[in-house]
Protein backbone atom coordinates (compact mmCIF):
# COMPACT_ATOMS: atom_id res chain seq x y z
CA UNK A 1 -6.40 -14.84 -28.44
CA UNK A 2 -6.12 -12.11 -31.08
CA UNK A 3 -3.91 -9.72 -29.10
CA UNK A 4 -1.68 -7.26 -30.93
CA UNK A 5 0.76 -4.79 -29.39
CA UNK A 6 0.56 -1.56 -31.40
CA UNK A 7 3.11 -0.05 -29.02
CA UNK A 8 5.33 -1.98 -26.63
CA UNK A 9 7.47 -0.93 -23.66
CA UNK A 10 11.14 -1.83 -23.39
CA UNK A 11 12.02 -5.52 -22.98
CA UNK A 12 11.49 -7.24 -19.65
CA UNK A 13 15.18 -8.15 -19.53
CA UNK A 14 16.14 -4.48 -19.47
CA UNK A 15 13.59 -3.77 -16.73
CA UNK A 16 14.99 -6.67 -14.70
CA UNK A 17 18.50 -5.28 -15.10
CA UNK A 18 17.31 -1.93 -13.75
CA UNK A 19 15.66 -3.71 -10.80
CA UNK A 20 18.88 -5.57 -9.99
CA UNK A 21 20.85 -2.32 -9.79
CA UNK A 22 18.24 -0.87 -7.42
CA UNK A 23 18.36 -3.99 -5.21
CA UNK A 24 22.12 -3.76 -4.82
CA UNK A 25 22.07 -0.04 -3.96
CA UNK A 26 19.33 -0.50 -1.39
CA UNK A 27 21.04 -3.46 0.28
CA UNK A 28 24.24 -1.46 0.74
CA UNK A 29 22.38 1.57 2.10
CA UNK A 30 20.32 -0.40 4.62
CA UNK A 31 23.41 -2.20 5.90
CA UNK A 32 25.07 1.17 6.43
CA UNK A 33 22.04 2.52 8.33
CA UNK A 34 21.96 -0.54 10.55
CA UNK A 35 25.67 -0.27 11.29
CA UNK A 36 26.07 3.48 11.77
CA UNK A 37 22.57 4.76 12.52
CA UNK A 38 22.23 8.54 12.78
CA UNK A 39 25.67 9.13 11.22
CA UNK A 40 24.68 7.23 8.08
CA UNK A 41 21.30 8.99 7.94
CA UNK A 42 22.95 12.40 8.13
CA UNK A 43 25.48 11.53 5.41
CA UNK A 44 22.74 10.23 3.09
CA UNK A 45 20.58 13.29 3.68
CA UNK A 46 23.48 15.59 2.83
CA UNK A 47 24.34 13.57 -0.28
CA UNK A 48 20.86 13.05 -1.72
CA UNK A 49 18.85 15.98 -0.34
CA UNK A 50 21.54 18.55 0.51
CA UNK A 51 19.88 18.82 3.92
CA UNK A 52 21.65 18.71 7.31
CA UNK A 53 19.40 20.09 10.07
CA UNK A 54 20.20 20.09 13.78
CA UNK A 55 17.40 17.54 14.16
CA UNK A 56 15.46 15.64 11.53
CA UNK A 57 12.43 15.55 13.86
CA UNK A 58 10.39 18.74 13.70
CA UNK A 59 9.57 20.48 16.97
CA UNK A 60 6.09 21.76 17.76
CA UNK A 61 7.12 25.31 16.89
CA UNK A 62 8.66 24.20 13.58
CA UNK A 63 5.46 22.36 12.69
CA UNK A 64 3.42 25.45 13.53
CA UNK A 65 5.74 27.66 11.46
CA UNK A 66 5.36 25.37 8.46
CA UNK A 67 1.58 25.34 8.78
CA UNK A 68 1.51 29.14 8.87
CA UNK A 69 2.96 29.16 5.34
CA UNK A 70 -0.04 27.30 3.88
CA UNK A 71 -2.57 29.57 2.19
CA UNK A 72 -6.18 29.67 3.35
CA UNK A 73 -7.36 28.04 0.11
CA UNK A 74 -4.80 25.25 0.33
CA UNK A 75 -5.68 24.68 3.99
CA UNK A 76 -9.37 24.46 3.08
CA UNK A 77 -8.64 21.99 0.28
CA UNK A 78 -6.47 19.80 2.53
CA UNK A 79 -9.18 19.70 5.18
CA UNK A 80 -11.85 18.87 2.56
CA UNK A 81 -9.77 15.98 1.20
CA UNK A 82 -9.08 14.64 4.69
CA UNK A 83 -12.80 14.79 5.52
CA UNK A 84 -13.60 12.57 2.52
CA UNK A 85 -10.80 10.11 3.29
CA UNK A 86 -11.69 10.01 6.99
CA UNK A 87 -15.37 9.39 6.21
CA UNK A 88 -14.61 6.35 4.04
CA UNK A 89 -11.95 5.01 6.44
CA UNK A 90 -14.38 5.28 9.36
CA UNK A 91 -17.00 3.37 7.36
CA UNK A 92 -14.44 0.68 6.62
CA UNK A 93 -13.42 0.49 10.29
CA UNK A 94 -17.03 0.11 11.40
CA UNK A 95 -17.36 -2.90 9.09
CA UNK A 96 -14.66 -4.73 11.07
CA UNK A 97 -16.22 -6.02 14.26
CA UNK A 98 -14.88 -8.06 17.13
CA UNK A 99 -16.74 -11.34 17.46
CA UNK A 100 -17.35 -14.03 20.06
CA UNK A 101 -19.43 -17.13 19.37
CA UNK A 102 -20.35 -20.16 21.48
CA UNK A 103 -19.52 -22.98 19.07
CA UNK A 104 -20.41 -25.73 21.56
CA UNK A 105 -21.95 -25.49 25.02
CA UNK A 106 -19.25 -23.93 27.19
CA UNK A 107 -16.81 -23.33 24.29
CA UNK A 108 -16.33 -19.72 23.24
CA UNK A 109 -14.22 -18.59 20.27
CA UNK A 110 -13.63 -15.03 19.18
CA UNK A 111 -11.36 -12.49 17.64
CA UNK A 112 -10.34 -8.93 18.37
CA UNK A 113 -9.11 -6.34 15.88
CA UNK A 114 -6.10 -4.71 17.55
CA UNK A 115 -4.18 -1.77 16.04
CA UNK A 116 -0.52 -2.11 15.13
CA UNK A 117 1.27 -0.28 17.95
CA UNK A 118 3.65 1.87 15.89
CA UNK A 119 3.67 2.81 12.22
CA UNK A 120 6.10 4.72 10.03
CA UNK A 121 4.41 6.58 7.16
CA UNK A 122 6.55 7.59 4.20
CA UNK A 123 5.38 10.50 2.07
CA UNK A 124 7.19 11.00 -1.28
CA UNK A 125 8.35 14.49 -2.07
CA UNK A 126 11.09 14.36 -4.67
CA UNK A 127 9.97 15.46 -8.11
CA UNK A 128 6.44 16.16 -6.81
CA UNK A 129 5.48 16.78 -3.16
CA UNK A 130 2.84 14.12 -2.57
CA UNK A 131 0.66 15.90 -0.03
CA UNK A 132 -2.15 13.40 -0.55
CA UNK A 133 0.02 10.50 0.59
CA UNK A 134 0.01 11.95 4.09
CA UNK A 135 -3.78 11.72 4.17
CA UNK A 136 -3.75 8.16 2.90
CA UNK A 137 -1.28 6.79 5.43
CA UNK A 138 -1.26 9.00 8.52
CA UNK A 139 -4.98 9.71 8.68
CA UNK A 140 -5.97 6.12 7.95
CA UNK A 141 -3.64 4.86 10.69
CA UNK A 142 -5.20 7.38 13.03
CA UNK A 143 -8.71 6.15 12.26
CA UNK A 144 -7.48 2.61 12.98
CA UNK A 145 -6.33 3.74 16.42
CA UNK A 146 -2.57 3.29 16.03
CA UNK A 147 -1.05 4.79 19.22
CA UNK A 148 2.28 5.89 17.68
CA UNK A 149 2.32 7.29 14.16
CA UNK A 150 5.51 8.76 12.79
CA UNK A 151 5.74 10.33 9.36
CA UNK A 152 8.63 11.32 7.15
CA UNK A 153 9.00 13.20 3.88
CA UNK A 154 12.08 14.60 2.14
CA UNK A 155 12.84 18.31 2.21
CA UNK A 156 11.70 20.36 -0.75
CA UNK A 157 14.02 23.22 -1.73
CA UNK A 158 16.03 22.63 1.42
CA UNK A 159 13.17 22.88 3.90
CA UNK A 160 10.14 20.97 5.18
CA UNK A 161 7.28 21.19 2.70
CA UNK A 162 4.56 23.26 4.44
CA UNK A 163 1.57 21.47 2.91
CA UNK A 164 2.99 18.00 3.60
CA UNK A 165 3.74 18.93 7.22
CA UNK A 166 0.22 20.33 7.54
CA UNK A 167 -1.36 17.18 6.14
CA UNK A 168 0.73 15.02 8.48
CA UNK A 169 -0.20 17.08 11.53
CA UNK A 170 -3.89 17.32 10.72
CA UNK A 171 -3.93 13.61 9.88
CA UNK A 172 -2.72 12.70 13.37
CA UNK A 173 1.05 12.16 13.19
CA UNK A 174 2.74 12.09 16.58
CA UNK A 175 6.28 12.61 15.24
CA UNK A 176 7.21 14.33 11.97
CA UNK A 177 10.62 13.87 10.34
CA UNK A 178 12.21 15.55 7.34
CA UNK A 179 14.00 12.66 5.64
CA UNK A 180 13.66 11.10 2.23
CA UNK A 181 14.26 7.89 0.36
CA UNK A 182 16.06 4.84 1.68
CA UNK A 183 17.36 6.73 4.70
CA UNK A 184 13.82 7.56 5.84
CA UNK A 185 12.33 4.08 5.61
CA UNK A 186 15.55 2.53 6.89
CA UNK A 187 15.66 4.80 9.94
CA UNK A 188 12.00 4.23 10.78
CA UNK A 189 12.24 0.45 10.43
CA UNK A 190 15.68 -0.21 11.92
CA UNK A 191 15.80 2.62 14.43
CA UNK A 192 18.76 4.81 15.38
CA UNK A 193 20.00 6.44 18.58
CA UNK A 194 17.46 9.23 18.04
CA UNK A 195 14.57 7.33 16.40
CA UNK A 196 12.72 4.43 17.98
CA UNK A 197 11.92 1.76 15.36
CA UNK A 198 8.35 1.13 14.28
CA UNK A 199 6.47 -2.14 13.83
CA UNK A 200 5.18 -1.37 10.32
CA UNK A 201 6.09 0.75 7.27
CA UNK A 202 3.51 2.16 4.90
CA UNK A 203 3.34 4.55 1.99
CA UNK A 204 4.32 4.73 -1.68
CA UNK A 205 7.63 5.81 -3.11
CA UNK A 206 10.07 5.47 -5.97
CA UNK A 207 11.80 2.24 -6.94
CA UNK A 208 14.40 2.66 -4.16
CA UNK A 209 11.79 3.19 -1.44
CA UNK A 210 9.74 0.24 -2.68
CA UNK A 211 12.79 -2.01 -2.74
CA UNK A 212 13.85 -0.86 0.73
CA UNK A 213 10.43 -1.81 2.07
CA UNK A 214 10.68 -5.19 0.35
CA UNK A 215 14.08 -5.88 1.93
CA UNK A 216 12.88 -4.73 5.36
CA UNK A 217 9.77 -6.90 5.30
CA UNK A 218 10.05 -9.45 8.07
CA UNK A 219 11.97 -7.06 10.29
CA UNK A 220 8.83 -4.95 10.17
CA UNK A 221 5.47 -5.31 8.49
CA UNK A 222 4.73 -3.41 5.31
CA UNK A 223 1.47 -2.38 3.74
CA UNK A 224 2.21 -3.68 0.24
CA UNK A 225 4.64 -3.37 -2.63
CA UNK A 226 3.93 0.17 -3.84
CA UNK A 227 6.55 1.17 -6.38
CA UNK A 228 6.36 3.52 -9.37
CA UNK A 229 2.75 4.27 -10.28
CA UNK A 230 0.99 2.31 -13.02
CA UNK A 231 -2.12 3.17 -14.97
CA UNK A 232 -4.21 1.13 -17.38
CA UNK A 233 -7.04 2.46 -19.51
CA UNK A 234 -9.57 -0.15 -20.65
CA UNK A 235 -11.63 1.49 -23.35
CA UNK A 236 -13.84 0.71 -26.33
CA UNK A 237 -15.25 2.99 -28.99
CA UNK A 238 -17.69 4.63 -26.57
CA UNK A 239 -14.95 7.14 -25.67
CA UNK A 240 -12.47 9.24 -27.62
CA UNK A 241 -8.72 9.39 -27.94
CA UNK A 242 -8.33 12.71 -26.11
CA UNK A 243 -9.85 11.24 -22.95
CA UNK A 244 -7.70 8.10 -23.15
CA UNK A 245 -4.48 9.99 -23.84
CA UNK A 246 -5.15 12.45 -21.04
CA UNK A 247 -5.72 9.65 -18.53
CA UNK A 248 -2.58 7.82 -19.64
CA UNK A 249 -0.29 10.86 -19.45
CA UNK A 250 -1.91 12.05 -16.22
CA UNK A 251 -0.16 9.17 -14.46
CA UNK A 252 2.89 8.78 -16.72
CA UNK A 253 4.10 12.16 -15.44
CA UNK A 254 4.78 10.63 -12.00
CA UNK A 255 8.27 9.48 -12.96
CA UNK A 256 10.55 8.19 -15.69
CA UNK A 257 9.45 4.59 -15.16
CA UNK A 258 5.68 4.82 -14.66
CA UNK A 259 3.91 2.20 -16.83
CA UNK A 260 0.91 3.41 -18.83
CA UNK A 261 -1.15 0.96 -20.85
CA UNK A 262 -4.17 1.21 -23.14
CA UNK A 263 -6.20 -1.99 -23.61
CA UNK A 264 -8.86 -1.67 -26.28
CA UNK A 265 -10.82 -3.62 -28.88
CA UNK A 266 -10.92 -0.62 -31.24
CA UNK A 267 -8.04 -0.23 -33.70
CA UNK A 268 -9.25 3.28 -34.49
CA UNK A 269 -9.16 4.31 -30.83
CA UNK A 270 -5.72 2.73 -30.41
CA UNK A 271 -4.10 4.54 -33.33
CA UNK A 272 -5.82 7.83 -32.53
CA UNK A 273 -4.76 7.61 -28.88
CA UNK A 274 -1.12 7.11 -29.88
CA UNK A 275 -1.35 10.20 -32.05
CA UNK A 276 -3.13 12.16 -29.31
CA UNK A 277 -0.44 11.24 -26.78
CA UNK A 278 2.19 12.63 -29.16
CA UNK A 279 0.17 15.85 -29.53
CA UNK A 280 -0.32 16.32 -25.78
CA UNK A 281 3.35 15.69 -25.08
CA UNK A 282 4.17 18.76 -27.15
CA UNK A 283 2.21 20.99 -24.76
CA UNK A 284 2.28 19.18 -21.39
CA UNK A 285 4.50 21.05 -18.89
CA UNK A 286 5.63 17.74 -17.40
CA UNK A 287 6.35 16.25 -20.82
CA UNK A 288 10.00 15.50 -20.07
CA UNK A 289 8.99 12.96 -17.45
CA UNK A 290 5.81 11.73 -19.08
CA UNK A 291 7.44 11.20 -22.47
CA UNK A 292 10.23 9.09 -20.91
CA UNK A 293 7.66 6.87 -19.21
CA UNK A 294 5.57 6.60 -22.36
CA UNK A 295 8.61 5.75 -24.51
CA UNK A 296 10.02 3.04 -22.23
CA UNK A 297 6.97 1.87 -20.26
CA UNK A 298 3.99 2.60 -22.49
CA UNK A 299 1.92 -0.15 -24.10
CA UNK A 300 -1.05 -0.14 -26.46
CA UNK A 301 -2.72 -3.55 -26.62
CA UNK A 302 -5.37 -4.29 -29.24
CA UNK A 303 -7.75 -7.13 -28.34
CA UNK A 304 -10.43 -8.88 -30.32
CA UNK A 305 -13.19 -8.66 -27.73
CA UNK A 306 -14.18 -7.42 -24.29
CA UNK A 307 -13.45 -10.90 -22.94
CA UNK A 308 -9.88 -10.65 -24.19
CA UNK A 309 -9.57 -7.15 -22.73
CA UNK A 310 -10.67 -8.56 -19.38
CA UNK A 311 -8.17 -11.43 -19.56
CA UNK A 312 -5.28 -9.10 -20.40
CA UNK A 313 -6.21 -6.69 -17.62
CA UNK A 314 -6.46 -9.43 -15.00
CA UNK A 315 -3.13 -10.89 -16.10
CA UNK A 316 -1.25 -7.59 -15.94
CA UNK A 317 -2.91 -6.58 -12.63
CA UNK A 318 -2.17 -2.87 -12.91
CA UNK A 319 -2.34 -0.46 -10.01
CA UNK A 320 -4.89 2.00 -11.42
CA UNK A 321 -7.43 0.66 -13.90
CA UNK A 322 -9.63 3.22 -15.65
CA UNK A 323 -12.61 1.48 -17.29
CA UNK A 324 -14.53 3.38 -19.98
CA UNK A 325 -16.69 0.95 -21.95
CA UNK A 326 -20.27 0.07 -22.72
CA UNK A 327 -20.18 -2.48 -19.87
CA UNK A 328 -18.29 -0.93 -16.94
CA UNK A 329 -20.25 -2.87 -14.30
CA UNK A 330 -19.37 -6.11 -16.09
CA UNK A 331 -15.70 -5.30 -15.60
CA UNK A 332 -16.39 -4.49 -11.93
CA UNK A 333 -17.99 -7.92 -11.50
CA UNK A 334 -15.28 -9.83 -13.35
CA UNK A 335 -12.02 -8.04 -12.59
CA UNK A 336 -10.12 -9.87 -9.86
CA UNK A 337 -6.53 -8.58 -10.01
CA UNK A 338 -5.89 -4.83 -9.77
CA UNK A 339 -5.17 -2.03 -7.35
CA UNK A 340 -8.26 0.12 -7.72
CA UNK A 341 -10.94 0.53 -10.39
CA UNK A 342 -12.14 3.86 -11.75
CA UNK A 343 -15.42 3.23 -13.53
CA UNK A 344 -16.86 5.37 -16.31
CA UNK A 345 -15.69 8.44 -18.21
CA UNK A 346 -16.83 10.80 -15.42
CA UNK A 347 -14.39 9.11 -13.03
CA UNK A 348 -10.63 9.56 -13.09
CA UNK A 349 -7.54 8.38 -11.27
CA UNK A 350 -6.50 11.88 -10.19
CA UNK A 351 -9.62 12.29 -8.07
CA UNK A 352 -8.88 8.93 -6.46
CA UNK A 353 -5.29 10.00 -5.84
CA UNK A 354 -6.17 13.27 -4.17
CA UNK A 355 -9.65 13.75 -2.81
CA UNK A 356 -12.54 11.41 -3.48
CA UNK A 357 -12.00 9.30 -0.37
CA UNK A 358 -10.54 5.92 -1.38
CA UNK A 359 -6.91 5.22 -0.56
CA UNK A 360 -4.30 5.84 -3.25
CA UNK A 361 -1.56 3.56 -1.87
CA UNK A 362 -2.08 0.57 -4.11
CA UNK A 363 -0.26 -2.60 -5.24
CA UNK A 364 2.07 -2.41 -8.25
CA UNK A 365 4.14 -4.91 -10.26
CA UNK A 366 1.24 -7.39 -10.39
CA UNK A 367 0.92 -7.53 -6.60
CA UNK A 368 -2.80 -6.93 -7.12
CA UNK A 369 -3.00 -10.68 -7.77
CA UNK A 370 -2.60 -11.33 -4.02
CA UNK A 371 -3.29 -8.10 -2.13
CA UNK A 372 -5.50 -5.05 -2.19
CA UNK A 373 -4.43 -1.51 -1.38
CA UNK A 374 -3.80 0.30 1.87
CA UNK A 375 -6.91 0.73 4.02
CA UNK A 376 -7.81 1.00 7.65
CA UNK A 377 -7.78 -2.80 7.99
CA UNK A 378 -4.06 -2.94 7.12
CA UNK A 379 -3.34 -1.24 10.44
CA UNK A 380 -5.39 -3.76 12.39
CA UNK A 381 -4.29 -7.24 13.42
CA UNK A 382 -7.06 -9.79 13.86
CA UNK A 383 -6.18 -11.96 16.85
CA UNK A 384 -8.22 -15.00 17.86
CA UNK A 385 -8.87 -16.29 21.35
CA UNK A 386 -10.66 -19.21 22.98
CA UNK A 387 -12.06 -20.01 26.38
CA UNK A 388 -13.72 -23.11 27.83
CA UNK A 389 -16.09 -22.34 30.69
CA UNK A 390 -17.54 -25.70 31.81
CA UNK A 391 -16.09 -28.99 33.06
CA UNK A 392 -18.16 -30.91 30.54
CA UNK A 393 -16.78 -28.92 27.60
CA UNK A 394 -13.20 -29.21 28.84
CA UNK A 395 -13.48 -33.01 29.10
CA UNK A 396 -15.29 -33.48 25.79
CA UNK A 397 -12.97 -31.27 23.71
CA UNK A 398 -10.01 -32.75 25.57
CA UNK A 399 -10.88 -36.29 24.49
CA UNK A 400 -11.02 -35.29 20.82
CA UNK A 401 -7.84 -33.26 21.17
CA UNK A 402 -5.98 -36.10 22.88
CA UNK A 403 -6.75 -38.63 20.17
CA UNK A 404 -5.92 -36.20 17.34
CA UNK A 405 -2.59 -35.33 18.96
CA UNK A 406 -1.69 -39.01 19.27
CA UNK A 407 -2.67 -39.50 15.63
CA UNK A 408 0.23 -37.20 14.78
CA UNK A 409 2.58 -38.66 17.39
CA UNK A 410 2.57 -35.62 19.69
CA UNK A 411 2.49 -37.23 23.14
CA UNK A 412 3.20 -33.99 25.02
CA UNK A 413 0.41 -32.28 23.13
CA UNK A 414 -1.95 -35.11 24.04
CA UNK A 415 -1.08 -34.77 27.71
CA UNK A 416 -2.18 -31.12 27.65
CA UNK A 417 -5.60 -32.45 26.72
CA UNK A 418 -5.47 -35.46 29.03
CA UNK A 419 -4.83 -33.48 32.18
CA UNK A 420 -8.05 -31.57 31.51
CA UNK A 421 -9.92 -34.82 30.95
CA UNK A 422 -8.65 -36.18 34.28
CA UNK A 423 -9.43 -33.02 36.19
CA UNK A 424 -12.75 -32.10 34.66
CA UNK A 425 -14.17 -35.37 33.37
CA UNK A 426 -13.30 -37.71 36.20
CA UNK A 427 -11.61 -40.14 33.78
CA UNK A 428 -8.12 -41.44 34.50
CA UNK A 429 -6.23 -41.28 31.21
CA UNK A 430 -2.73 -42.84 31.59
CA UNK A 431 0.16 -40.50 30.81
CA UNK A 432 1.15 -40.82 27.15
CA UNK A 433 -2.09 -42.55 26.12
CA UNK A 434 -4.92 -41.26 24.01
CA UNK A 435 -8.23 -40.57 25.73
CA UNK A 436 -10.73 -43.21 24.70
């Protein structure tokens, strides 16, 4: 392969060192939450958010008061976005059907799609209040039919963020908490004296939130590993540097460690994009954050062909992948590892993040190799069942089952089959023998 890095992010060893520090901090915090519950939550909230309310759970009147602070235009925009997200989630839900098939005469197999019974939705709100994350988690869980949905976001300027609270309430949250970071996901997953634990955690967050979810997995389910946002632009000379630089910095502004990567087969576009990024950083209001991400986590990868671009993109498995080439549909057909694709220069990641209707909670750190993003199906568990309705079927399946159990040495298993053979087939199979 003729791959050349014209710009490279900081070494993987340094990134791994950062990850190790995060792991240790999260482990200590979760142990404290499990040991001291509400007391630990209150101390962490005071330390990290300077917030100590009488109750972290908002009352109905507090929710109403927050919603009253949202302007008419913002309320209209929130409702428009939720309508798009709901429409797509409902279409996805309708594609998931319960089934029952008669595989043999008298043998019925099926499955049912059953909602997770309680879900905790985390909505980031530190540097930027992520209103859209409430749509993506709370509303989608609601469409799935989850009977208990709790949602939590950190305070902003010492108070609940009105637009986030509004989005949570309109999305269908049953309980709304004002907590951030590790203490929020820890409280929802582990439970405290005042918070009943949930069965599943969902939602994006910073490196500490993502690591907390990873450590809590097993105690509860999680949607996916959704850490600091990543964006990749796959582009050839059909587009210009301004468009590429804008799409890269539009996601790099998320945080100080948000990877942004250009993959191209055009040296001209690569060098011009680097220069355009430098120009935009001089005028971008969020340049302090975006420039840190670009410096430490930005890559520009020059490839020799579209095939090499495809191979690099599949290997890196970025969260957001913006494709702007002369063969966008070819990338759609051949990409297999990513969070979400944004095809063509008219499309952009920001619309996907906020309003267009697809879900913006997506896999990061190459998790796109084994999972897709959050969607209505993540809140549904597919459970199988079986029933045998005739004597003939019970005896026939039982004979096969008996012999296959004995093949593995499971005598007790075989007897489960044999007793059905004796009762429904009229054949006397000796205890501990295989049905002939």
